[in-house]
mmCIF file of all heavy atoms, coordinates in Angstrom:
data_MODEL
# 
_entry.id   MODEL 
# 
loop_
_atom_site.group_PDB 
_atom_site.id 
_atom_site.type_symbol 
_atom_site.label_atom_id 
_atom_site.label_alt_id 
_atom_site.label_comp_id 
_atom_site.label_asym_id 
_atom_site.label_entity_id 
_atom_site.label_seq_id 
_atom_site.pdbx_PDB_ins_code 
_atom_site.Cartn_x 
_atom_site.Cartn_y 
_atom_site.Cartn_z 
_atom_site.occupancy 
_atom_site.B_iso_or_equiv 
_atom_site.pdbx_formal_charge 
_atom_site.auth_seq_id 
_atom_site.auth_comp_id 
_atom_site.auth_asym_id 
_atom_site.auth_atom_id 
_atom_site.pdbx_PDB_model_num 
ATOM 1   N N   . VAL A 1 1  ? 107.510 82.125  102.522 1.00 0.00 ? 1  VAL A N   1 
ATOM 2   C CA  . VAL A 1 1  ? 107.355 83.434  103.147 1.00 0.00 ? 1  VAL A CA  1 
ATOM 3   C C   . VAL A 1 1  ? 106.214 84.166  102.453 1.00 0.00 ? 1  VAL A C   1 
ATOM 4   O O   . VAL A 1 1  ? 106.147 84.206  101.214 1.00 0.00 ? 1  VAL A O   1 
ATOM 5   C CB  . VAL A 1 1  ? 108.652 84.258  103.053 1.00 0.00 ? 1  VAL A CB  1 
ATOM 6   C CG1 . VAL A 1 1  ? 108.453 85.655  103.627 1.00 0.00 ? 1  VAL A CG1 1 
ATOM 7   C CG2 . VAL A 1 1  ? 109.787 83.550  103.786 1.00 0.00 ? 1  VAL A CG2 1 
ATOM 8   N N   . LEU A 1 2  ? 105.337 84.738  103.240 1.00 0.00 ? 2  LEU A N   1 
ATOM 9   C CA  . LEU A 1 2  ? 104.214 85.506  102.715 1.00 0.00 ? 2  LEU A CA  1 
ATOM 10  C C   . LEU A 1 2  ? 104.425 86.984  103.017 1.00 0.00 ? 2  LEU A C   1 
ATOM 11  O O   . LEU A 1 2  ? 104.868 87.341  104.107 1.00 0.00 ? 2  LEU A O   1 
ATOM 12  C CB  . LEU A 1 2  ? 102.899 85.036  103.331 1.00 0.00 ? 2  LEU A CB  1 
ATOM 13  C CG  . LEU A 1 2  ? 102.587 83.533  103.234 1.00 0.00 ? 2  LEU A CG  1 
ATOM 14  C CD1 . LEU A 1 2  ? 101.256 83.228  103.895 1.00 0.00 ? 2  LEU A CD1 1 
ATOM 15  C CD2 . LEU A 1 2  ? 102.611 83.062  101.793 1.00 0.00 ? 2  LEU A CD2 1 
ATOM 16  N N   . ASN A 1 3  ? 104.110 87.825  102.042 1.00 0.00 ? 3  ASN A N   1 
ATOM 17  C CA  . ASN A 1 3  ? 104.144 89.278  102.238 1.00 0.00 ? 3  ASN A CA  1 
ATOM 18  C C   . ASN A 1 3  ? 102.726 89.806  102.012 1.00 0.00 ? 3  ASN A C   1 
ATOM 19  O O   . ASN A 1 3  ? 102.391 90.282  100.915 1.00 0.00 ? 3  ASN A O   1 
ATOM 20  C CB  . ASN A 1 3  ? 105.129 89.926  101.255 1.00 0.00 ? 3  ASN A CB  1 
ATOM 21  C CG  . ASN A 1 3  ? 106.574 89.697  101.665 1.00 0.00 ? 3  ASN A CG  1 
ATOM 22  O OD1 . ASN A 1 3  ? 107.138 90.455  102.428 1.00 0.00 ? 3  ASN A OD1 1 
ATOM 23  N ND2 . ASN A 1 3  ? 107.174 88.635  101.152 1.00 0.00 ? 3  ASN A ND2 1 
ATOM 24  N N   . PRO A 1 4  ? 101.862 89.721  103.043 1.00 0.00 ? 4  PRO A N   1 
ATOM 25  C CA  . PRO A 1 4  ? 100.438 90.042  102.880 1.00 0.00 ? 4  PRO A CA  1 
ATOM 26  C C   . PRO A 1 4  ? 100.147 91.533  103.006 1.00 0.00 ? 4  PRO A C   1 
ATOM 27  O O   . PRO A 1 4  ? 99.427  91.980  103.896 1.00 0.00 ? 4  PRO A O   1 
ATOM 28  C CB  . PRO A 1 4  ? 99.790  89.245  104.012 1.00 0.00 ? 4  PRO A CB  1 
ATOM 29  C CG  . PRO A 1 4  ? 100.830 89.240  105.087 1.00 0.00 ? 4  PRO A CG  1 
ATOM 30  C CD  . PRO A 1 4  ? 102.170 89.223  104.387 1.00 0.00 ? 4  PRO A CD  1 
ATOM 31  N N   . TYR A 1 5  ? 100.699 92.286  102.102 1.00 0.00 ? 5  TYR A N   1 
ATOM 32  C CA  . TYR A 1 5  ? 100.507 93.733  102.126 1.00 0.00 ? 5  TYR A CA  1 
ATOM 33  C C   . TYR A 1 5  ? 100.823 94.276  100.737 1.00 0.00 ? 5  TYR A C   1 
ATOM 34  O O   . TYR A 1 5  ? 101.329 93.581  99.866  1.00 0.00 ? 5  TYR A O   1 
ATOM 35  C CB  . TYR A 1 5  ? 101.419 94.390  103.171 1.00 0.00 ? 5  TYR A CB  1 
ATOM 36  C CG  . TYR A 1 5  ? 102.879 94.039  103.003 1.00 0.00 ? 5  TYR A CG  1 
ATOM 37  C CD1 . TYR A 1 5  ? 103.716 94.769  102.160 1.00 0.00 ? 5  TYR A CD1 1 
ATOM 38  C CD2 . TYR A 1 5  ? 103.438 92.948  103.681 1.00 0.00 ? 5  TYR A CD2 1 
ATOM 39  C CE1 . TYR A 1 5  ? 105.048 94.435  101.992 1.00 0.00 ? 5  TYR A CE1 1 
ATOM 40  C CE2 . TYR A 1 5  ? 104.765 92.619  103.525 1.00 0.00 ? 5  TYR A CE2 1 
ATOM 41  C CZ  . TYR A 1 5  ? 105.560 93.350  102.683 1.00 0.00 ? 5  TYR A CZ  1 
ATOM 42  O OH  . TYR A 1 5  ? 106.878 93.010  102.509 1.00 0.00 ? 5  TYR A OH  1 
ATOM 43  N N   . TYR A 1 6  ? 100.514 95.543  100.539 1.00 0.00 ? 6  TYR A N   1 
ATOM 44  C CA  . TYR A 1 6  ? 100.739 96.192  99.248  1.00 0.00 ? 6  TYR A CA  1 
ATOM 45  C C   . TYR A 1 6  ? 101.775 97.291  99.399  1.00 0.00 ? 6  TYR A C   1 
ATOM 46  O O   . TYR A 1 6  ? 101.782 98.030  100.380 1.00 0.00 ? 6  TYR A O   1 
ATOM 47  C CB  . TYR A 1 6  ? 99.428  96.787  98.717  1.00 0.00 ? 6  TYR A CB  1 
ATOM 48  C CG  . TYR A 1 6  ? 98.372  95.758  98.419  1.00 0.00 ? 6  TYR A CG  1 
ATOM 49  C CD1 . TYR A 1 6  ? 97.406  95.425  99.370  1.00 0.00 ? 6  TYR A CD1 1 
ATOM 50  C CD2 . TYR A 1 6  ? 98.333  95.107  97.194  1.00 0.00 ? 6  TYR A CD2 1 
ATOM 51  C CE1 . TYR A 1 6  ? 96.428  94.480  99.108  1.00 0.00 ? 6  TYR A CE1 1 
ATOM 52  C CE2 . TYR A 1 6  ? 97.361  94.157  96.919  1.00 0.00 ? 6  TYR A CE2 1 
ATOM 53  C CZ  . TYR A 1 6  ? 96.420  93.847  97.882  1.00 0.00 ? 6  TYR A CZ  1 
ATOM 54  O OH  . TYR A 1 6  ? 95.463  92.897  97.606  1.00 0.00 ? 6  TYR A OH  1 
ATOM 55  N N   . GLU A 1 7  ? 102.647 97.370  98.400  1.00 0.00 ? 7  GLU A N   1 
ATOM 56  C CA  . GLU A 1 7  ? 103.600 98.474  98.318  1.00 0.00 ? 7  GLU A CA  1 
ATOM 57  C C   . GLU A 1 7  ? 103.469 99.078  96.916  1.00 0.00 ? 7  GLU A C   1 
ATOM 58  O O   . GLU A 1 7  ? 102.381 99.129  96.358  1.00 0.00 ? 7  GLU A O   1 
ATOM 59  C CB  . GLU A 1 7  ? 105.020 97.985  98.623  1.00 0.00 ? 7  GLU A CB  1 
ATOM 60  C CG  . GLU A 1 7  ? 105.190 97.578  100.086 1.00 0.00 ? 7  GLU A CG  1 
ATOM 61  C CD  . GLU A 1 7  ? 106.627 97.294  100.454 1.00 0.00 ? 7  GLU A CD  1 
ATOM 62  O OE1 . GLU A 1 7  ? 107.289 96.539  99.724  1.00 0.00 ? 7  GLU A OE1 1 
ATOM 63  O OE2 . GLU A 1 7  ? 107.081 97.829  101.472 1.00 0.00 ? 7  GLU A OE2 1 
ATOM 64  N N   . MET A 1 8  ? 104.538 99.548  96.344  1.00 0.00 ? 8  MET A N   1 
ATOM 65  C CA  . MET A 1 8  ? 104.533 100.099 94.982  1.00 0.00 ? 8  MET A CA  1 
ATOM 66  C C   . MET A 1 8  ? 103.565 101.268 94.821  1.00 0.00 ? 8  MET A C   1 
ATOM 67  O O   . MET A 1 8  ? 103.134 101.565 93.710  1.00 0.00 ? 8  MET A O   1 
ATOM 68  C CB  . MET A 1 8  ? 104.173 99.027  93.945  1.00 0.00 ? 8  MET A CB  1 
ATOM 69  C CG  . MET A 1 8  ? 105.111 97.859  93.910  1.00 0.00 ? 8  MET A CG  1 
ATOM 70  S SD  . MET A 1 8  ? 106.717 98.342  93.244  1.00 0.00 ? 8  MET A SD  1 
ATOM 71  C CE  . MET A 1 8  ? 107.732 97.077  93.967  1.00 0.00 ? 8  MET A CE  1 
ATOM 72  N N   . GLY A 1 9  ? 103.178 101.920 95.913  1.00 0.00 ? 9  GLY A N   1 
ATOM 73  C CA  . GLY A 1 9  ? 102.245 103.034 95.784  1.00 0.00 ? 9  GLY A CA  1 
ATOM 74  C C   . GLY A 1 9  ? 100.829 102.606 95.464  1.00 0.00 ? 9  GLY A C   1 
ATOM 75  O O   . GLY A 1 9  ? 100.049 103.389 94.927  1.00 0.00 ? 9  GLY A O   1 
ATOM 76  N N   . LEU A 1 10 ? 100.475 101.358 95.806  1.00 0.00 ? 10 LEU A N   1 
ATOM 77  C CA  . LEU A 1 10 ? 99.137  100.833 95.542  1.00 0.00 ? 10 LEU A CA  1 
ATOM 78  C C   . LEU A 1 10 ? 98.453  100.475 96.857  1.00 0.00 ? 10 LEU A C   1 
ATOM 79  O O   . LEU A 1 10 ? 99.072  99.910  97.759  1.00 0.00 ? 10 LEU A O   1 
ATOM 80  C CB  . LEU A 1 10 ? 99.204  99.591  94.661  1.00 0.00 ? 10 LEU A CB  1 
ATOM 81  C CG  . LEU A 1 10 ? 99.775  99.768  93.246  1.00 0.00 ? 10 LEU A CG  1 
ATOM 82  C CD1 . LEU A 1 10 ? 99.893  98.425  92.545  1.00 0.00 ? 10 LEU A CD1 1 
ATOM 83  C CD2 . LEU A 1 10 ? 98.914  100.724 92.435  1.00 0.00 ? 10 LEU A CD2 1 
ATOM 84  N N   . THR A 1 11 ? 97.151  100.791 96.945  1.00 0.00 ? 11 THR A N   1 
ATOM 85  C CA  . THR A 1 11 ? 96.374  100.398 98.116  1.00 0.00 ? 11 THR A CA  1 
ATOM 86  C C   . THR A 1 11 ? 95.845  98.977  97.989  1.00 0.00 ? 11 THR A C   1 
ATOM 87  O O   . THR A 1 11 ? 95.457  98.373  98.992  1.00 0.00 ? 11 THR A O   1 
ATOM 88  C CB  . THR A 1 11 ? 95.196  101.358 98.343  1.00 0.00 ? 11 THR A CB  1 
ATOM 89  O OG1 . THR A 1 11 ? 94.482  101.499 97.104  1.00 0.00 ? 11 THR A OG1 1 
ATOM 90  C CG2 . THR A 1 11 ? 95.689  102.721 98.785  1.00 0.00 ? 11 THR A CG2 1 
ATOM 91  N N   . GLY A 1 12 ? 95.820  98.433  96.781  1.00 0.00 ? 12 GLY A N   1 
ATOM 92  C CA  . GLY A 1 12 ? 95.493  97.027  96.595  1.00 0.00 ? 12 GLY A CA  1 
ATOM 93  C C   . GLY A 1 12 ? 94.025  96.749  96.376  1.00 0.00 ? 12 GLY A C   1 
ATOM 94  O O   . GLY A 1 12 ? 93.146  97.534  96.729  1.00 0.00 ? 12 GLY A O   1 
ATOM 95  N N   . SER A 1 13 ? 93.786  95.586  95.782  1.00 0.00 ? 13 SER A N   1 
ATOM 96  C CA  . SER A 1 13 ? 92.412  95.137  95.567  1.00 0.00 ? 13 SER A CA  1 
ATOM 97  C C   . SER A 1 13 ? 92.344  93.640  95.847  1.00 0.00 ? 13 SER A C   1 
ATOM 98  O O   . SER A 1 13 ? 92.611  93.221  96.960  1.00 0.00 ? 13 SER A O   1 
ATOM 99  C CB  . SER A 1 13 ? 91.943  95.487  94.145  1.00 0.00 ? 13 SER A CB  1 
ATOM 100 O OG  . SER A 1 13 ? 90.553  95.272  94.016  1.00 0.00 ? 13 SER A OG  1 
ATOM 101 N N   . GLU A 1 14 ? 92.005  92.811  94.845  1.00 0.00 ? 14 GLU A N   1 
ATOM 102 C CA  . GLU A 1 14 ? 91.889  91.357  95.022  1.00 0.00 ? 14 GLU A CA  1 
ATOM 103 C C   . GLU A 1 14 ? 90.855  90.989  96.085  1.00 0.00 ? 14 GLU A C   1 
ATOM 104 O O   . GLU A 1 14 ? 90.929  89.940  96.707  1.00 0.00 ? 14 GLU A O   1 
ATOM 105 C CB  . GLU A 1 14 ? 93.245  90.717  95.365  1.00 0.00 ? 14 GLU A CB  1 
ATOM 106 C CG  . GLU A 1 14 ? 94.207  90.646  94.214  1.00 0.00 ? 14 GLU A CG  1 
ATOM 107 C CD  . GLU A 1 14 ? 95.099  91.875  94.072  1.00 0.00 ? 14 GLU A CD  1 
ATOM 108 O OE1 . GLU A 1 14 ? 95.116  92.691  95.013  1.00 0.00 ? 14 GLU A OE1 1 
ATOM 109 O OE2 . GLU A 1 14 ? 95.770  92.015  93.043  1.00 0.00 ? 14 GLU A OE2 1 
ATOM 110 N N   . LEU A 1 15 ? 89.871  91.907  96.314  1.00 0.00 ? 15 LEU A N   1 
ATOM 111 C CA  . LEU A 1 15 ? 88.800  91.684  97.285  1.00 0.00 ? 15 LEU A CA  1 
ATOM 112 C C   . LEU A 1 15 ? 89.339  91.423  98.690  1.00 0.00 ? 15 LEU A C   1 
ATOM 113 O O   . LEU A 1 15 ? 88.698  90.770  99.510  1.00 0.00 ? 15 LEU A O   1 
ATOM 114 C CB  . LEU A 1 15 ? 87.891  90.530  96.823  1.00 0.00 ? 15 LEU A CB  1 
ATOM 115 C CG  . LEU A 1 15 ? 87.193  90.772  95.467  1.00 0.00 ? 15 LEU A CG  1 
ATOM 116 C CD1 . LEU A 1 15 ? 86.491  89.519  94.988  1.00 0.00 ? 15 LEU A CD1 1 
ATOM 117 C CD2 . LEU A 1 15 ? 86.211  91.928  95.553  1.00 0.00 ? 15 LEU A CD2 1 
ATOM 118 N N   . HIS A 1 16 ? 90.523  91.976  98.960  1.00 0.00 ? 16 HIS A N   1 
ATOM 119 C CA  . HIS A 1 16 ? 91.151  91.709  100.260 1.00 0.00 ? 16 HIS A CA  1 
ATOM 120 C C   . HIS A 1 16 ? 90.416  92.377  101.410 1.00 0.00 ? 16 HIS A C   1 
ATOM 121 O O   . HIS A 1 16 ? 90.536  91.924  102.561 1.00 0.00 ? 16 HIS A O   1 
ATOM 122 C CB  . HIS A 1 16 ? 92.611  92.170  100.247 1.00 0.00 ? 16 HIS A CB  1 
ATOM 123 C CG  . HIS A 1 16 ? 92.792  93.653  100.386 1.00 0.00 ? 16 HIS A CG  1 
ATOM 124 N ND1 . HIS A 1 16 ? 92.676  94.531  99.321  1.00 0.00 ? 16 HIS A ND1 1 
ATOM 125 C CD2 . HIS A 1 16 ? 93.066  94.421  101.487 1.00 0.00 ? 16 HIS A CD2 1 
ATOM 126 C CE1 . HIS A 1 16 ? 92.891  95.755  99.752  1.00 0.00 ? 16 HIS A CE1 1 
ATOM 127 N NE2 . HIS A 1 16 ? 93.114  95.735  101.044 1.00 0.00 ? 16 HIS A NE2 1 
ATOM 128 N N   . THR A 1 17 ? 89.644  93.434  101.142 1.00 0.00 ? 17 THR A N   1 
ATOM 129 C CA  . THR A 1 17 ? 88.903  94.069  102.230 1.00 0.00 ? 17 THR A CA  1 
ATOM 130 C C   . THR A 1 17 ? 87.794  93.163  102.743 1.00 0.00 ? 17 THR A C   1 
ATOM 131 O O   . THR A 1 17 ? 87.269  93.385  103.845 1.00 0.00 ? 17 THR A O   1 
ATOM 132 C CB  . THR A 1 17 ? 88.318  95.418  101.784 1.00 0.00 ? 17 THR A CB  1 
ATOM 133 O OG1 . THR A 1 17 ? 87.561  95.235  100.579 1.00 0.00 ? 17 THR A OG1 1 
ATOM 134 C CG2 . THR A 1 17 ? 89.429  96.434  101.529 1.00 0.00 ? 17 THR A CG2 1 
ATOM 135 N N   . TYR A 1 18 ? 87.439  92.139  101.968 1.00 0.00 ? 18 TYR A N   1 
ATOM 136 C CA  . TYR A 1 18 ? 86.511  91.110  102.441 1.00 0.00 ? 18 TYR A CA  1 
ATOM 137 C C   . TYR A 1 18 ? 87.248  89.903  103.009 1.00 0.00 ? 18 TYR A C   1 
ATOM 138 O O   . TYR A 1 18 ? 86.981  89.458  104.121 1.00 0.00 ? 18 TYR A O   1 
ATOM 139 C CB  . TYR A 1 18 ? 85.577  90.673  101.309 1.00 0.00 ? 18 TYR A CB  1 
ATOM 140 C CG  . TYR A 1 18 ? 84.713  89.478  101.669 1.00 0.00 ? 18 TYR A CG  1 
ATOM 141 C CD1 . TYR A 1 18 ? 83.806  89.547  102.723 1.00 0.00 ? 18 TYR A CD1 1 
ATOM 142 C CD2 . TYR A 1 18 ? 84.822  88.283  100.965 1.00 0.00 ? 18 TYR A CD2 1 
ATOM 143 C CE1 . TYR A 1 18 ? 83.023  88.447  103.080 1.00 0.00 ? 18 TYR A CE1 1 
ATOM 144 C CE2 . TYR A 1 18 ? 84.037  87.179  101.294 1.00 0.00 ? 18 TYR A CE2 1 
ATOM 145 C CZ  . TYR A 1 18 ? 83.137  87.266  102.360 1.00 0.00 ? 18 TYR A CZ  1 
ATOM 146 O OH  . TYR A 1 18 ? 82.365  86.183  102.702 1.00 0.00 ? 18 TYR A OH  1 
ATOM 147 N N   . THR A 1 19 ? 88.213  89.362  102.245 1.00 0.00 ? 19 THR A N   1 
ATOM 148 C CA  . THR A 1 19 ? 88.809  88.080  102.635 1.00 0.00 ? 19 THR A CA  1 
ATOM 149 C C   . THR A 1 19 ? 89.812  88.174  103.786 1.00 0.00 ? 19 THR A C   1 
ATOM 150 O O   . THR A 1 19 ? 89.871  87.283  104.632 1.00 0.00 ? 19 THR A O   1 
ATOM 151 C CB  . THR A 1 19 ? 89.501  87.429  101.425 1.00 0.00 ? 19 THR A CB  1 
ATOM 152 O OG1 . THR A 1 19 ? 90.503  88.325  100.906 1.00 0.00 ? 19 THR A OG1 1 
ATOM 153 C CG2 . THR A 1 19 ? 88.502  87.093  100.337 1.00 0.00 ? 19 THR A CG2 1 
ATOM 154 N N   . LEU A 1 20 ? 90.606  89.229  103.844 1.00 0.00 ? 20 LEU A N   1 
ATOM 155 C CA  . LEU A 1 20 ? 91.643  89.309  104.879 1.00 0.00 ? 20 LEU A CA  1 
ATOM 156 C C   . LEU A 1 20 ? 91.043  89.460  106.278 1.00 0.00 ? 20 LEU A C   1 
ATOM 157 O O   . LEU A 1 20 ? 91.389  88.677  107.183 1.00 0.00 ? 20 LEU A O   1 
ATOM 158 C CB  . LEU A 1 20 ? 92.622  90.439  104.564 1.00 0.00 ? 20 LEU A CB  1 
ATOM 159 C CG  . LEU A 1 20 ? 93.803  90.587  105.523 1.00 0.00 ? 20 LEU A CG  1 
ATOM 160 C CD1 . LEU A 1 20 ? 94.655  89.320  105.559 1.00 0.00 ? 20 LEU A CD1 1 
ATOM 161 C CD2 . LEU A 1 20 ? 94.674  91.794  105.137 1.00 0.00 ? 20 LEU A CD2 1 
ATOM 162 N N   . PRO A 1 21 ? 90.141  90.417  106.536 1.00 0.00 ? 21 PRO A N   1 
ATOM 163 C CA  . PRO A 1 21 ? 89.542  90.500  107.873 1.00 0.00 ? 21 PRO A CA  1 
ATOM 164 C C   . PRO A 1 21 ? 88.739  89.248  108.225 1.00 0.00 ? 21 PRO A C   1 
ATOM 165 O O   . PRO A 1 21 ? 88.684  88.859  109.404 1.00 0.00 ? 21 PRO A O   1 
ATOM 166 C CB  . PRO A 1 21 ? 88.632  91.726  107.794 1.00 0.00 ? 21 PRO A CB  1 
ATOM 167 C CG  . PRO A 1 21 ? 89.150  92.516  106.637 1.00 0.00 ? 21 PRO A CG  1 
ATOM 168 C CD  . PRO A 1 21 ? 89.687  91.516  105.668 1.00 0.00 ? 21 PRO A CD  1 
ATOM 169 N N   . ARG A 1 22 ? 88.132  88.611  107.246 1.00 0.00 ? 22 ARG A N   1 
ATOM 170 C CA  . ARG A 1 22 ? 87.360  87.399  107.504 1.00 0.00 ? 22 ARG A CA  1 
ATOM 171 C C   . ARG A 1 22 ? 88.258  86.292  108.052 1.00 0.00 ? 22 ARG A C   1 
ATOM 172 O O   . ARG A 1 22 ? 87.830  85.488  108.877 1.00 0.00 ? 22 ARG A O   1 
ATOM 173 C CB  . ARG A 1 22 ? 86.674  86.937  106.205 1.00 0.00 ? 22 ARG A CB  1 
ATOM 174 C CG  . ARG A 1 22 ? 85.740  85.752  106.381 1.00 0.00 ? 22 ARG A CG  1 
ATOM 175 C CD  . ARG A 1 22 ? 85.064  85.376  105.089 1.00 0.00 ? 22 ARG A CD  1 
ATOM 176 N NE  . ARG A 1 22 ? 85.995  84.852  104.090 1.00 0.00 ? 22 ARG A NE  1 
ATOM 177 C CZ  . ARG A 1 22 ? 85.627  84.121  103.037 1.00 0.00 ? 22 ARG A CZ  1 
ATOM 178 N NH1 . ARG A 1 22 ? 84.345  83.848  102.843 1.00 0.00 ? 22 ARG A NH1 1 
ATOM 179 N NH2 . ARG A 1 22 ? 86.523  83.688  102.171 1.00 0.00 ? 22 ARG A NH2 1 
ATOM 180 N N   . ARG A 1 23 ? 89.518  86.283  107.617 1.00 0.00 ? 23 ARG A N   1 
ATOM 181 C CA  . ARG A 1 23 ? 90.444  85.226  108.053 1.00 0.00 ? 23 ARG A CA  1 
ATOM 182 C C   . ARG A 1 23 ? 91.164  85.581  109.345 1.00 0.00 ? 23 ARG A C   1 
ATOM 183 O O   . ARG A 1 23 ? 91.341  84.714  110.201 1.00 0.00 ? 23 ARG A O   1 
ATOM 184 C CB  . ARG A 1 23 ? 91.486  84.948  106.953 1.00 0.00 ? 23 ARG A CB  1 
ATOM 185 C CG  . ARG A 1 23 ? 90.976  84.008  105.912 1.00 0.00 ? 23 ARG A CG  1 
ATOM 186 C CD  . ARG A 1 23 ? 92.112  83.167  105.313 1.00 0.00 ? 23 ARG A CD  1 
ATOM 187 N NE  . ARG A 1 23 ? 91.576  81.881  104.906 1.00 0.00 ? 23 ARG A NE  1 
ATOM 188 C CZ  . ARG A 1 23 ? 91.752  80.756  105.583 1.00 0.00 ? 23 ARG A CZ  1 
ATOM 189 N NH1 . ARG A 1 23 ? 92.438  80.750  106.692 1.00 0.00 ? 23 ARG A NH1 1 
ATOM 190 N NH2 . ARG A 1 23 ? 91.230  79.632  105.150 1.00 0.00 ? 23 ARG A NH2 1 
ATOM 191 N N   . VAL A 1 24 ? 91.641  86.791  109.480 1.00 0.00 ? 24 VAL A N   1 
ATOM 192 C CA  . VAL A 1 24 ? 92.506  87.114  110.624 1.00 0.00 ? 24 VAL A CA  1 
ATOM 193 C C   . VAL A 1 24 ? 91.880  88.097  111.604 1.00 0.00 ? 24 VAL A C   1 
ATOM 194 O O   . VAL A 1 24 ? 92.462  88.370  112.655 1.00 0.00 ? 24 VAL A O   1 
ATOM 195 C CB  . VAL A 1 24 ? 93.862  87.676  110.144 1.00 0.00 ? 24 VAL A CB  1 
ATOM 196 C CG1 . VAL A 1 24 ? 94.539  86.699  109.193 1.00 0.00 ? 24 VAL A CG1 1 
ATOM 197 C CG2 . VAL A 1 24 ? 93.705  89.037  109.466 1.00 0.00 ? 24 VAL A CG2 1 
ATOM 198 N N   . GLY A 1 25 ? 90.717  88.636  111.262 1.00 0.00 ? 25 GLY A N   1 
ATOM 199 C CA  . GLY A 1 25 ? 90.098  89.646  112.095 1.00 0.00 ? 25 GLY A CA  1 
ATOM 200 C C   . GLY A 1 25 ? 90.501  91.048  111.655 1.00 0.00 ? 25 GLY A C   1 
ATOM 201 O O   . GLY A 1 25 ? 91.579  91.241  111.074 1.00 0.00 ? 25 GLY A O   1 
ATOM 202 N N   . PRO A 1 26 ? 89.665  92.046  111.918 1.00 0.00 ? 26 PRO A N   1 
ATOM 203 C CA  . PRO A 1 26 ? 89.933  93.403  111.432 1.00 0.00 ? 26 PRO A CA  1 
ATOM 204 C C   . PRO A 1 26 ? 91.197  94.032  112.000 1.00 0.00 ? 26 PRO A C   1 
ATOM 205 O O   . PRO A 1 26 ? 91.914  94.735  111.292 1.00 0.00 ? 26 PRO A O   1 
ATOM 206 C CB  . PRO A 1 26 ? 88.684  94.189  111.840 1.00 0.00 ? 26 PRO A CB  1 
ATOM 207 C CG  . PRO A 1 26 ? 88.023  93.368  112.905 1.00 0.00 ? 26 PRO A CG  1 
ATOM 208 C CD  . PRO A 1 26 ? 88.351  91.949  112.614 1.00 0.00 ? 26 PRO A CD  1 
ATOM 209 N N   . ASP A 1 27 ? 91.497  93.798  113.274 1.00 0.00 ? 27 ASP A N   1 
ATOM 210 C CA  . ASP A 1 27 ? 92.686  94.414  113.874 1.00 0.00 ? 27 ASP A CA  1 
ATOM 211 C C   . ASP A 1 27 ? 93.962  93.850  113.261 1.00 0.00 ? 27 ASP A C   1 
ATOM 212 O O   . ASP A 1 27 ? 94.892  94.600  112.918 1.00 0.00 ? 27 ASP A O   1 
ATOM 213 C CB  . ASP A 1 27 ? 92.687  94.207  115.382 1.00 0.00 ? 27 ASP A CB  1 
ATOM 214 C CG  . ASP A 1 27 ? 91.575  94.974  116.079 1.00 0.00 ? 27 ASP A CG  1 
ATOM 215 O OD1 . ASP A 1 27 ? 91.072  95.949  115.487 1.00 0.00 ? 27 ASP A OD1 1 
ATOM 216 O OD2 . ASP A 1 27 ? 91.199  94.600  117.210 1.00 0.00 ? 27 ASP A OD2 1 
ATOM 217 N N   . ALA A 1 28 ? 94.050  92.522  113.150 1.00 0.00 ? 28 ALA A N   1 
ATOM 218 C CA  . ALA A 1 28 ? 95.242  91.905  112.556 1.00 0.00 ? 28 ALA A CA  1 
ATOM 219 C C   . ALA A 1 28 ? 95.368  92.291  111.090 1.00 0.00 ? 28 ALA A C   1 
ATOM 220 O O   . ALA A 1 28 ? 96.487  92.496  110.595 1.00 0.00 ? 28 ALA A O   1 
ATOM 221 C CB  . ALA A 1 28 ? 95.180  90.384  112.702 1.00 0.00 ? 28 ALA A CB  1 
ATOM 222 N N   . ALA A 1 29 ? 94.238  92.407  110.391 1.00 0.00 ? 29 ALA A N   1 
ATOM 223 C CA  . ALA A 1 29 ? 94.281  92.805  108.982 1.00 0.00 ? 29 ALA A CA  1 
ATOM 224 C C   . ALA A 1 29 ? 94.896  94.190  108.837 1.00 0.00 ? 29 ALA A C   1 
ATOM 225 O O   . ALA A 1 29 ? 95.760  94.425  107.980 1.00 0.00 ? 29 ALA A O   1 
ATOM 226 C CB  . ALA A 1 29 ? 92.877  92.772  108.384 1.00 0.00 ? 29 ALA A CB  1 
ATOM 227 N N   . LYS A 1 30 ? 94.476  95.115  109.676 1.00 0.00 ? 30 LYS A N   1 
ATOM 228 C CA  . LYS A 1 30 ? 95.023  96.472  109.625 1.00 0.00 ? 30 LYS A CA  1 
ATOM 229 C C   . LYS A 1 30 ? 96.519  96.469  109.936 1.00 0.00 ? 30 LYS A C   1 
ATOM 230 O O   . LYS A 1 30 ? 97.300  97.172  109.300 1.00 0.00 ? 30 LYS A O   1 
ATOM 231 C CB  . LYS A 1 30 ? 94.284  97.374  110.616 1.00 0.00 ? 30 LYS A CB  1 
ATOM 232 C CG  . LYS A 1 30 ? 92.851  97.689  110.211 1.00 0.00 ? 30 LYS A CG  1 
ATOM 233 C CD  . LYS A 1 30 ? 92.164  98.532  111.281 1.00 0.00 ? 30 LYS A CD  1 
ATOM 234 C CE  . LYS A 1 30 ? 90.708  98.808  110.910 1.00 0.00 ? 30 LYS A CE  1 
ATOM 235 N NZ  . LYS A 1 30 ? 90.001  99.556  111.984 1.00 0.00 ? 30 LYS A NZ  1 
# 
């Protein structure tokens, strides 16, 4: 099971603003 999102009051990093839309597209990433 994957939980591809951030909680804990964090907006997140890990360069996901580049890698996530590149893989699933901007709409699915949002």
